[in-house]
Structures are given as C-alpha cells and as structure tokens.
Amino acid sequence: MSAGELYARDQAAVAGIEKLRFFPLEVTEGKGSWLTSADGRQLLDLTATWTACGLGHGHPAVIAAVTAAVQRPPGAGGLSAVHPDSVGLAEDLLAVVPGDGERRVYLGHAGSDANDVALRACRHATGKRRVLAFQHSYHGGVGLAMGVSGVHVDAGAAADPDSCFLPYPDPLRPHTGDPATVLGASLDAVATELAHGDVACLIVEPILSDGGLVVPPDGFLAALAKLCARHDVPLICDEVKVGLGRPGLLHAFQHDGVVPDIVTFGKTLGGGLPLSAAVGPASILDGPAASALLTTAGNPVCTAAGRAVLRTLRDERLPEAAAAAGDRLMAGLRQVAAGSGPGGDAAAGHIGDVRGRGLAIGVDLVTDTASNTRDPALAAKTVYRAWQLGAVVYYVGGNVLEVTPPLIITDAEVDRAVQILGEAIADAASGVVSDDEVAPYAGW
C-alpha cells in the first residue's frame, strides 16, 4: 500500500467528529513497542495508543485469552446474564484495589462511561448535585463525565451546571505565582467548596494527564482524601490513563498512600480492547438497578482480556519494570534538557521541564527556558518531526510531549526514544518542519 492511500480513504469515509490527528499516521500492524506503517516503516510507539495498549501490541497473554474467549462465547455481555470472566474480573479487581466494607465493580467499555456512572451514582446515593473537579482535567467524552472535564470545557463544550472547577496544583506554573504556596492554595479552594455541604463527590486525576502531564506535589491526594473524609464526600480517583502499573506502582494513588472511595479504570485494563471499571462501595454502585445500561458491557472477550492484563501485570512485575524504564527515560530526557544529549543546545533551549512518574512522562516545550512560555507551535512540529524520524508521540496541554510507551519497553528502545525526541525537538526548533506541513493536523 502506498503512503497516503489509507489516510485518503479514511478522510473520505470516517467521521471527523471522532478524529484527533497530529500527523498522517497510517498503521497496519503492531508488535510489542512497535507499529508498522502502511508503507512498511517501523515506528517506535511512545503513546501505547494513549496508554490503552499498556502491555504493548499483541501481548501473548492477551492473544491467548481473547482467542479462547471468542471460540465459545457465552453471549455478548453481562447485562442480563453472568459468566465466569465477568464475575472473575470483578473479583480480580476487588482483590487488587484496596478498600473496606462491601464493595462492587461496575464494568463498562471506556473510562468515559466508568467515570460517568461513578459520578451519577454518587449524586443518587448522596442526594446532592454538585461535583468538584479540577481545571484542565479530563474524565471522559460523554455525558456527565464530559461536563466535568476541564479540557472539554476549555475547548467550548458545555460544563455541567452543577460542576465546580478548582485549580490543580502545578509546581511549574503555579496559579498563585509561587510554587511554595500552590499546594496550600489548591487545598484551601477545595475546603471552601466542601464546607458548603452540597457536594456529591470530588473527582481527581492523580496526575493531570491531558491537561499537560502535571505531577502534583507530594501529599496532594492524601490531603484531598482527608478533606473529603472530614465532610463525608466520596473521593473518585480517575486512574484511567495513568494507573495499572504505569506510574511505577500498580495504582497511582499509592504514591500518597491513600485509599480513594471509588477508583475508575480503562485503557490499559482492556489490553487494547474496550473495557473499563469502577470499584467502590456497594452503597453507591449497587443502585438504582438498570440505570447504567450497555448491552455488551462485561462481554466475555473483553473481560477475558482484562483478566489476562491483571495477571500479566503481576506475573511480569510490570509496575517495577515501568519504574526502572521510567527512571532511564527521564534521565535521558533530562540530559537532552541539559544540552548534553541528542539535539544539543538547540533542543535544550526549548525544554522547560521533564517530569513524571514511572512511564507517564511529560516534556514541557517552551519558547525559552527563562520565561517558560508555552510553545504549542513547537510541540506540533516536534511530534510531526518525531513521526518522520520513526516514533509516535503526541502532545497534551498544548505544549507538552506526553511520553507513555508500553510498559514492556526495553532499555534499547528507551535509548532510541531519547535519541529521536532530542533530534525531533532540535529539528523542529531549527525550522525543519514547515507551518504548511502541520496545518492540516490540529491536535488538541
């Protein structure tokens, strides 16, 4: 297949409403941390499809589980029947997600519906309406989850009328102007809203992913949990994008040693297939019956894949692997930022920060390191250039390269990633990519 042919067919057939494109990426297959383009090029995948392929492409455990499940499937969902893998996946999740008392598991198709159901269930259980969320957050593209997603609201979508968006503590660009006060100010804003007594729940990302891969100060989640407990408000921790091994721990909330009331999952949980979950108190997730209906939710193929993913995370010790690979990747990228890595001073002069936990890493591109002014144009050209050089990476928050490779990435692949990213930043800053080349790809 010639380069561009598949992309042209896509433009003529697939609805633009569901497209988020950064370059003309055509792929025909994948294996491990690599994708094969329509013209036969090998591309190092530094996105894991927005983390959905956390185990990489075509992991043997997922292949075996799915193959067995499709041969004699007991129906196509868990709406009005039960089967071993729907019940088994729920039991598996209850075993690996900490919590007390009677708990239940909602099974769905995507993080969007898991968050939407959790939010609506909290409203029903508490009899209250207000939802506290954070500015520039992302919790989903449908329903209430979309209405409390700061990224969508920033882009012009309607906010839920009973939502309240609070400042997320950003150490690099503190809303207070002072990194030393940003955590306290964010928590004070939360405390003020909770004191009104009309809050149904608070939803938070342990790392603000699509808002710019912002890593909050240590203790942020722990303090939130204490505030929510004091006011008897359920805390929903959205682990959809950065959980399940990616942060170097099985769960991102473990970094602060907290136990959220409700935890939501998606992306990595399905091993590349549509699967999500919310784990929380039975008093919240058990009712009302039939208020979250998806015919194929809990289907035998996706739940079999989910069980295989959880086993593989444990058996292959992938959280620990992600911690080690993340340390190596961040060390290499910080060398680039210091001018001693690929790209030299041309790259270093445009990196304001390299941050992350495990294999959730952000490279903050700026016009200059003195002002740390965001540089969205450079980000767009950098990801385009990286694609030309043989890697797939996207940007979030307008200017931040989101580096989230599969958890099974090797040391050699990590070093290759550093090489390509350093060269791509330098080349983009030097004008190798033109405005016309990136103009058709709006990104975020």
Protein backbone atom coordinates (compact mmCIF):
# COMPACT_ATOMS: atom_id res chain seq x y z
CA MET A 1 0.00 0.00 0.00
CA SER A 2 1.43 3.37 -0.95
CA ALA A 3 1.97 6.11 1.62
CA GLY A 4 -1.10 8.31 1.92
CA GLU A 5 -3.55 5.90 0.29
CA LEU A 6 -5.08 4.62 3.53
CA TYR A 7 -5.22 8.13 5.01
CA ALA A 8 -7.08 9.40 1.94
CA ARG A 9 -9.63 6.60 2.27
CA ASP A 10 -10.09 7.49 5.93
CA GLN A 11 -10.75 11.13 5.09
CA ALA A 12 -13.44 10.09 2.64
CA ALA A 13 -15.19 7.58 4.91
CA VAL A 14 -14.65 8.16 8.65
CA ALA A 15 -16.41 10.94 10.57
CA GLY A 16 -14.20 13.83 11.55
CA ILE A 17 -16.02 14.23 14.86
CA GLU A 18 -14.02 11.30 16.27
CA LYS A 19 -10.59 12.30 14.97
CA LEU A 20 -7.67 13.73 16.91
CA ARG A 21 -4.79 13.78 14.45
CA PHE A 22 -1.22 15.04 14.83
CA PHE A 23 0.33 13.70 11.59
CA PRO A 24 -0.82 11.34 8.82
CA LEU A 25 -0.31 8.14 10.80
CA GLU A 26 -1.26 5.00 8.86
CA VAL A 27 -0.68 1.70 10.64
CA THR A 28 -1.34 -1.86 9.57
CA GLU A 29 0.03 -3.92 12.46
CA GLY A 30 1.92 -3.77 15.72
CA LYS A 31 4.17 -5.89 17.89
CA GLY A 32 5.49 -5.04 21.32
CA SER A 33 6.53 -1.39 21.34
CA TRP A 34 6.49 -1.07 17.54
CA LEU A 35 3.93 -0.18 14.90
CA THR A 36 4.19 -0.89 11.20
CA SER A 37 3.01 1.86 8.86
CA ALA A 38 1.14 1.25 5.63
CA ASP A 39 4.33 1.81 3.64
CA GLY A 40 6.31 -0.68 5.77
CA ARG A 41 8.11 1.74 8.10
CA GLN A 42 8.76 0.64 11.70
CA LEU A 43 7.62 3.25 14.24
CA LEU A 44 8.53 3.20 17.93
CA ASP A 45 5.25 3.72 19.79
CA LEU A 46 5.74 6.19 22.66
CA THR A 47 1.99 6.56 23.27
CA ALA A 48 0.75 2.96 23.72
CA THR A 49 -2.36 4.34 21.96
CA TRP A 50 -2.96 6.92 24.71
CA THR A 51 -1.94 4.15 27.20
CA ALA A 52 -4.69 1.73 26.04
CA CYS A 53 -2.04 -0.78 24.89
CA GLY A 54 -0.13 -0.72 28.13
CA LEU A 55 1.17 -4.26 27.62
CA GLY A 56 2.27 -3.36 24.11
CA HIS A 57 0.78 -4.59 20.86
CA GLY A 58 -0.10 -8.26 20.56
CA HIS A 59 0.94 -9.43 24.01
CA PRO A 60 0.84 -13.26 24.05
CA ALA A 61 -1.25 -13.39 27.22
CA VAL A 62 -3.95 -11.18 25.72
CA ILE A 63 -3.88 -13.08 22.42
CA ALA A 64 -4.37 -16.40 24.23
CA ALA A 65 -7.19 -15.10 26.42
CA VAL A 66 -9.09 -13.47 23.55
CA THR A 67 -8.62 -16.46 21.25
CA ALA A 68 -10.10 -18.80 23.85
CA ALA A 69 -12.96 -16.43 24.61
CA VAL A 70 -14.13 -15.98 21.02
CA GLN A 71 -14.29 -19.70 20.30
CA ARG A 72 -17.30 -20.47 22.51
CA PRO A 73 -18.54 -17.15 23.93
CA PRO A 74 -21.38 -17.33 26.47
CA GLY A 75 -23.36 -14.50 24.90
CA ALA A 76 -22.16 -10.98 24.25
CA GLY A 77 -22.41 -9.17 27.56
CA GLY A 78 -23.24 -9.12 31.24
CA LEU A 79 -26.42 -7.04 31.16
CA SER A 80 -28.92 -9.80 31.94
CA ALA A 81 -26.66 -12.82 32.48
CA VAL A 82 -23.46 -13.70 34.28
CA HIS A 83 -20.46 -15.65 33.04
CA PRO A 84 -17.14 -16.70 34.58
CA ASP A 85 -14.99 -13.89 33.22
CA SER A 86 -17.34 -11.02 34.06
CA VAL A 87 -17.66 -12.24 37.65
CA GLY A 88 -13.99 -13.24 37.71
CA LEU A 89 -12.76 -9.84 36.52
CA ALA A 90 -14.85 -8.10 39.18
CA GLU A 91 -13.38 -10.40 41.82
CA ASP A 92 -9.86 -9.81 40.47
CA LEU A 93 -10.31 -6.06 40.73
CA LEU A 94 -11.70 -6.26 44.26
CA ALA A 95 -8.59 -8.25 45.18
CA VAL A 96 -6.09 -5.70 43.84
CA VAL A 97 -7.88 -2.43 44.70
CA PRO A 98 -7.70 -1.62 48.42
CA GLY A 99 -10.87 -0.73 50.28
CA ASP A 100 -13.11 -1.60 53.21
CA GLY A 101 -16.64 -2.89 53.60
CA GLU A 102 -19.00 -4.18 50.95
CA ARG A 103 -17.78 -3.13 47.52
CA ARG A 104 -18.92 -3.65 43.96
CA VAL A 105 -17.44 -3.34 40.47
CA TYR A 106 -19.10 -1.63 37.50
CA LEU A 107 -17.87 -2.98 34.15
CA GLY A 108 -18.06 -0.83 31.02
CA HIS A 109 -16.40 -0.05 27.71
CA ALA A 110 -14.24 3.04 28.32
CA GLY A 111 -13.01 5.31 31.06
CA SER A 112 -15.62 7.81 29.94
CA ASP A 113 -18.56 5.60 30.90
CA ALA A 114 -16.87 4.36 34.10
CA ASN A 115 -16.45 7.94 35.29
CA ASP A 116 -19.92 8.94 34.11
CA VAL A 117 -21.53 6.08 36.04
CA ALA A 118 -19.47 6.76 39.17
CA LEU A 119 -20.41 10.42 39.14
CA ARG A 120 -24.12 9.76 38.58
CA ALA A 121 -24.14 7.05 41.25
CA CYS A 122 -22.66 9.47 43.77
CA ARG A 123 -25.38 12.01 43.00
CA HIS A 124 -28.06 9.39 43.51
CA ALA A 125 -26.55 7.94 46.69
CA THR A 126 -25.91 11.29 48.38
CA GLY A 127 -28.94 13.17 47.12
CA LYS A 128 -26.62 16.06 46.28
CA ARG A 129 -25.77 17.56 42.90
CA ARG A 130 -22.50 19.43 42.94
CA VAL A 131 -19.37 17.80 41.54
CA LEU A 132 -15.94 19.18 42.35
CA ALA A 133 -13.36 18.68 39.59
CA PHE A 134 -10.15 20.41 38.52
CA GLN A 135 -9.27 22.87 35.82
CA HIS A 136 -7.81 21.29 32.65
CA SER A 137 -8.87 17.81 33.81
CA TYR A 138 -10.10 15.01 31.57
CA HIS A 139 -12.63 12.41 32.71
CA GLY A 140 -14.39 11.46 29.52
CA GLY A 141 -16.03 12.37 26.25
CA VAL A 142 -19.66 11.56 27.05
CA GLY A 143 -22.38 12.60 29.48
CA LEU A 144 -21.64 13.96 32.92
CA ALA A 145 -18.01 12.86 32.64
CA MET A 146 -17.59 15.23 29.70
CA GLY A 147 -19.38 18.02 31.54
CA VAL A 148 -16.86 17.89 34.38
CA SER A 149 -13.80 17.57 32.12
CA GLY A 150 -11.88 20.82 32.12
CA VAL A 151 -10.20 20.02 28.79
CA HIS A 152 -13.58 19.79 27.04
CA VAL A 153 -14.91 22.89 28.79
CA ASP A 154 -11.75 24.77 27.82
CA ALA A 155 -12.47 23.79 24.21
CA GLY A 156 -16.02 25.17 24.33
CA ALA A 157 -18.12 22.23 25.49
CA ALA A 158 -20.88 22.95 27.98
CA ALA A 159 -19.89 22.46 31.60
CA ASP A 160 -22.32 20.58 33.78
CA PRO A 161 -24.38 23.28 35.55
CA ASP A 162 -23.59 21.77 38.95
CA SER A 163 -19.86 21.42 38.38
CA CYS A 164 -17.14 23.45 40.05
CA PHE A 165 -13.60 23.57 38.63
CA LEU A 166 -10.76 24.14 41.09
CA PRO A 167 -7.07 24.91 40.45
CA TYR A 168 -4.84 21.83 40.19
CA PRO A 169 -1.51 22.42 41.95
CA ASP A 170 1.08 22.92 39.18
CA PRO A 171 4.61 23.37 40.57
CA LEU A 172 5.98 24.75 37.27
CA ARG A 173 3.20 27.26 36.59
CA PRO A 174 1.56 27.85 39.98
CA HIS A 175 -1.72 29.74 39.85
CA THR A 176 -0.53 31.60 42.95
CA GLY A 177 2.71 32.65 41.28
CA ASP A 178 4.70 30.83 43.95
CA PRO A 179 5.48 27.07 43.90
CA ALA A 180 5.73 27.11 47.69
CA THR A 181 2.08 28.15 48.11
CA VAL A 182 0.37 26.37 45.23
CA LEU A 183 -0.49 23.18 47.13
CA GLY A 184 -1.97 25.01 50.09
CA ALA A 185 -3.96 27.34 47.87
CA SER A 186 -5.46 24.45 45.90
CA LEU A 187 -6.43 22.62 49.07
CA ASP A 188 -7.92 25.78 50.57
CA ALA A 189 -10.12 26.14 47.49
CA VAL A 190 -11.30 22.54 47.89
CA ALA A 191 -12.01 23.04 51.59
CA THR A 192 -14.07 26.15 50.88
CA GLU A 193 -16.31 24.31 48.41
CA LEU A 194 -16.70 21.23 50.61
CA ALA A 195 -17.80 23.43 53.51
CA HIS A 196 -20.99 24.36 51.62
CA GLY A 197 -22.32 20.87 52.36
CA ASP A 198 -23.87 20.32 48.94
CA VAL A 199 -21.12 18.29 47.22
CA ALA A 200 -21.98 14.84 45.80
CA CYS A 201 -18.34 13.88 45.10
CA LEU A 202 -14.89 15.10 44.14
CA ILE A 203 -13.14 13.57 41.13
CA VAL A 204 -9.40 13.90 40.58
CA GLU A 205 -6.60 12.58 38.40
CA PRO A 206 -3.53 11.58 40.44
CA ILE A 207 -1.51 13.04 37.54
CA LEU A 208 -3.24 15.68 35.40
CA SER A 209 -2.73 13.87 32.10
CA ASP A 210 -4.40 15.56 29.13
CA GLY A 211 -4.11 18.90 30.89
CA GLY A 212 -0.33 18.82 30.45
CA LEU A 213 1.06 15.81 32.33
CA VAL A 214 1.19 17.81 35.56
CA VAL A 215 2.60 15.93 38.55
CA PRO A 216 1.20 17.44 41.76
CA PRO A 217 3.30 17.99 44.87
CA ASP A 218 3.69 15.02 47.21
CA GLY A 219 0.83 14.81 49.67
CA PHE A 220 -1.82 16.28 47.38
CA LEU A 221 -4.00 13.18 47.19
CA ALA A 222 -3.53 12.41 50.87
CA ALA A 223 -4.72 15.88 51.82
CA LEU A 224 -7.69 15.63 49.44
CA ALA A 225 -8.67 12.31 50.97
CA LYS A 226 -8.63 13.80 54.47
CA LEU A 227 -10.74 16.77 53.40
CA CYS A 228 -13.28 14.57 51.66
CA ALA A 229 -13.49 12.19 54.64
CA ARG A 230 -14.00 15.11 57.01
CA HIS A 231 -17.01 16.26 55.00
CA ASP A 232 -18.26 12.73 54.18
CA VAL A 233 -17.84 13.36 50.43
CA PRO A 234 -16.84 10.42 48.18
CA LEU A 235 -13.43 10.80 46.54
CA ILE A 236 -13.23 9.39 43.00
CA CYS A 237 -9.69 8.73 41.78
CA ASP A 238 -9.52 8.56 37.98
CA GLU A 239 -6.77 6.05 37.20
CA VAL A 240 -7.92 5.51 33.62
CA LYS A 241 -4.83 6.88 31.92
CA VAL A 242 -2.01 6.70 34.45
CA GLY A 243 -2.91 3.66 36.57
CA LEU A 244 -2.29 -0.10 36.39
CA GLY A 245 1.48 -0.15 36.55
CA ARG A 246 2.28 2.94 34.53
CA PRO A 247 3.37 5.17 37.45
CA GLY A 248 5.81 2.55 38.75
CA LEU A 249 3.20 1.27 41.19
CA LEU A 250 0.10 -0.76 40.43
CA HIS A 251 -2.06 2.27 41.29
CA ALA A 252 -1.06 5.93 41.03
CA PHE A 253 -2.89 6.77 44.27
CA GLN A 254 -0.46 4.52 46.14
CA HIS A 255 2.20 7.21 45.73
CA ASP A 256 0.45 9.13 48.51
CA GLY A 257 -0.61 6.05 50.46
CA VAL A 258 -4.33 6.77 50.19
CA VAL A 259 -7.40 4.62 49.61
CA PRO A 260 -9.97 6.50 47.49
CA ASP A 261 -13.67 5.75 47.91
CA ILE A 262 -14.07 4.96 44.19
CA VAL A 263 -11.37 4.11 41.66
CA THR A 264 -12.01 4.12 37.92
CA PHE A 265 -10.06 2.24 35.26
CA GLY A 266 -9.96 1.97 31.47
CA LYS A 267 -7.36 1.97 28.67
CA THR A 268 -4.65 -0.45 29.92
CA LEU A 269 -7.27 -2.66 31.61
CA GLY A 270 -8.53 -3.92 28.25
CA GLY A 271 -5.15 -4.64 26.70
CA GLY A 272 -6.23 -2.71 23.59
CA LEU A 273 -9.89 -3.80 23.74
CA PRO A 274 -12.77 -1.63 25.03
CA LEU A 275 -13.04 -2.26 28.77
CA SER A 276 -13.45 -0.10 31.85
CA ALA A 277 -14.33 -0.47 35.51
CA ALA A 278 -15.29 1.46 38.60
CA VAL A 279 -14.59 -0.06 42.02
CA GLY A 280 -16.36 1.37 45.04
CA PRO A 281 -18.86 0.98 47.88
CA ALA A 282 -21.92 -1.17 47.30
CA SER A 283 -23.96 1.63 48.86
CA ILE A 284 -23.06 3.80 45.87
CA LEU A 285 -22.61 1.39 42.94
CA ASP A 286 -25.48 -1.03 43.62
CA GLY A 287 -28.30 1.21 42.53
CA PRO A 288 -30.64 2.12 41.15
CA ALA A 289 -30.81 -1.06 39.09
CA ALA A 290 -30.71 -0.67 35.29
CA SER A 291 -29.54 2.95 35.46
CA ALA A 292 -26.33 2.21 33.52
CA LEU A 293 -27.20 0.01 30.57
CA LEU A 294 -24.64 -1.05 27.95
CA THR A 295 -25.67 -4.23 26.15
CA THR A 296 -22.16 -5.57 25.58
CA ALA A 297 -20.56 -4.35 28.82
CA GLY A 298 -18.89 -7.22 30.63
CA ASN A 299 -18.69 -9.22 27.42
CA PRO A 300 -16.63 -12.42 27.54
CA VAL A 301 -13.93 -11.31 25.10
CA CYS A 302 -13.05 -8.02 26.78
CA THR A 303 -13.31 -9.37 30.31
CA ALA A 304 -11.06 -12.30 29.41
CA ALA A 305 -8.53 -9.77 28.11
CA GLY A 306 -8.85 -7.72 31.29
CA ARG A 307 -8.16 -10.73 33.48
CA ALA A 308 -5.10 -11.55 31.36
CA VAL A 309 -3.86 -7.98 31.74
CA LEU A 310 -4.13 -8.06 35.53
CA ARG A 311 -2.34 -11.44 35.70
CA THR A 312 0.42 -10.19 33.40
CA LEU A 313 0.96 -7.01 35.41
CA ARG A 314 1.54 -9.23 38.43
CA ASP A 315 3.44 -12.13 36.87
CA GLU A 316 5.79 -10.00 34.78
CA ARG A 317 6.21 -7.40 37.55
CA LEU A 318 5.38 -4.64 35.13
CA PRO A 319 4.93 -1.86 37.72
CA GLU A 320 8.53 -2.42 38.80
CA ALA A 321 9.62 -2.59 35.16
CA ALA A 322 7.85 0.71 34.46
CA ALA A 323 9.62 2.33 37.40
CA ALA A 324 13.03 1.26 36.11
CA ALA A 325 12.31 2.13 32.47
CA GLY A 326 10.84 5.47 33.54
CA ASP A 327 13.96 6.33 35.52
CA ARG A 328 16.12 5.57 32.48
CA LEU A 329 13.86 7.50 30.11
CA MET A 330 13.62 10.57 32.33
CA ALA A 331 17.38 10.54 32.92
CA GLY A 332 17.96 10.54 29.17
CA LEU A 333 15.42 13.29 28.55
CA ARG A 334 16.92 15.41 31.32
CA GLN A 335 20.28 15.07 29.61
CA VAL A 336 18.61 16.43 26.48
CA ALA A 337 17.21 19.30 28.56
CA ALA A 338 20.68 20.00 29.93
CA GLY A 339 22.21 20.18 26.45
CA SER A 340 24.30 17.03 26.88
CA GLY A 341 22.00 14.69 24.96
CA PRO A 342 20.72 14.33 21.40
CA GLY A 343 19.77 17.65 19.86
CA GLY A 344 22.37 19.58 21.85
CA ASP A 345 21.69 23.19 22.74
CA ALA A 346 19.05 23.51 20.01
CA ALA A 347 16.84 21.08 21.93
CA ALA A 348 17.86 22.11 25.44
CA GLY A 349 16.88 25.71 24.95
CA HIS A 350 13.27 24.70 24.42
CA ILE A 351 12.68 22.26 27.29
CA GLY A 352 11.23 23.95 30.34
CA ASP A 353 10.74 20.77 32.35
CA VAL A 354 10.90 16.98 32.26
CA ARG A 355 8.55 15.44 34.81
CA GLY A 356 6.66 12.28 35.53
CA ARG A 357 6.26 9.10 37.50
CA GLY A 358 7.24 5.76 36.01
CA LEU A 359 6.30 5.69 32.33
CA ALA A 360 3.98 8.69 32.49
CA ILE A 361 6.38 11.44 31.41
CA GLY A 362 5.90 14.99 30.19
CA VAL A 363 8.41 17.08 28.25
CA ASP A 364 7.33 20.72 28.55
CA LEU A 365 8.28 22.66 25.39
CA VAL A 366 8.78 26.40 25.74
CA THR A 367 9.85 29.40 23.70
CA ASP A 368 12.77 29.89 26.11
CA THR A 369 13.79 28.49 29.46
CA ALA A 370 14.00 31.90 31.10
CA SER A 371 10.27 32.59 30.82
CA ASN A 372 8.99 29.01 30.38
CA THR A 373 6.36 30.36 27.99
CA ARG A 374 4.40 27.51 26.44
CA ASP A 375 5.23 26.82 22.79
CA PRO A 376 2.31 24.96 21.15
CA ALA A 377 3.67 25.57 17.65
CA LEU A 378 6.93 23.84 18.55
CA ALA A 379 5.03 20.92 20.10
CA ALA A 380 3.02 20.41 16.90
CA LYS A 381 6.16 20.45 14.78
CA THR A 382 8.10 18.23 17.19
CA VAL A 383 5.58 15.37 17.15
CA TYR A 384 5.40 15.67 13.36
CA ARG A 385 9.17 15.50 13.09
CA ALA A 386 9.33 12.56 15.51
CA TRP A 387 6.92 10.69 13.25
CA GLN A 388 9.21 11.41 10.29
CA LEU A 389 12.19 10.13 12.31
CA GLY A 390 10.41 6.92 13.33
CA ALA A 391 8.48 7.45 16.56
CA VAL A 392 4.88 8.10 17.53
CA VAL A 393 4.37 10.67 20.29
CA TYR A 394 1.58 13.17 20.93
CA TYR A 395 1.28 16.39 22.91
CA VAL A 396 -1.15 17.40 25.65
CA GLY A 397 -1.89 20.68 27.39
CA GLY A 398 -0.95 22.49 24.19
CA ASN A 399 2.81 22.19 24.55
CA VAL A 400 3.78 19.07 26.49
CA LEU A 401 5.06 15.90 24.83
CA GLU A 402 3.24 13.03 26.53
CA VAL A 403 5.64 10.09 26.62
CA THR A 404 3.72 6.96 27.65
CA PRO A 405 5.27 3.92 25.93
CA PRO A 406 4.17 0.34 26.59
CA LEU A 407 5.22 -0.98 30.00
CA ILE A 408 7.26 -3.69 28.28
CA ILE A 409 9.64 -1.22 26.57
CA THR A 410 13.28 -2.37 26.58
CA ASP A 411 16.39 -0.40 27.53
CA ALA A 412 17.46 -0.24 23.89
CA GLU A 413 14.04 1.12 22.91
CA VAL A 414 14.21 3.70 25.72
CA ASP A 415 17.57 4.91 24.42
CA ARG A 416 16.18 5.07 20.88
CA ALA A 417 13.25 7.13 22.17
CA VAL A 418 15.60 9.65 23.77
CA GLN A 419 17.60 9.90 20.55
CA ILE A 420 14.55 10.54 18.38
CA LEU A 421 12.90 13.01 20.76
CA GLY A 422 16.08 15.05 21.18
CA GLU A 423 16.62 15.23 17.44
CA ALA A 424 12.95 16.00 16.78
CA ILE A 425 12.91 18.94 19.20
CA ALA A 426 16.12 20.36 17.74
CA ASP A 427 14.96 19.90 14.16
CA ALA A 428 11.55 21.44 14.85
CA ALA A 429 13.16 24.42 16.59
CA SER A 430 15.51 24.84 13.62
CA GLY A 431 12.67 25.07 11.10
CA VAL A 432 12.93 21.63 9.50
CA VAL A 433 9.13 21.27 9.67
CA SER A 434 7.11 23.99 7.94
CA ASP A 435 3.85 25.58 9.05
CA ASP A 436 2.16 24.17 5.96
CA GLU A 437 3.13 20.61 6.85
CA VAL A 438 1.45 20.70 10.27
CA ALA A 439 -1.50 22.91 9.32
CA PRO A 440 -3.89 20.01 8.49
CA TYR A 441 -3.30 18.37 11.88
CA ALA A 442 -4.96 20.39 14.60
CA GLY A 443 -4.23 18.06 17.51
CA TRP A 444 -5.82 19.28 20.69
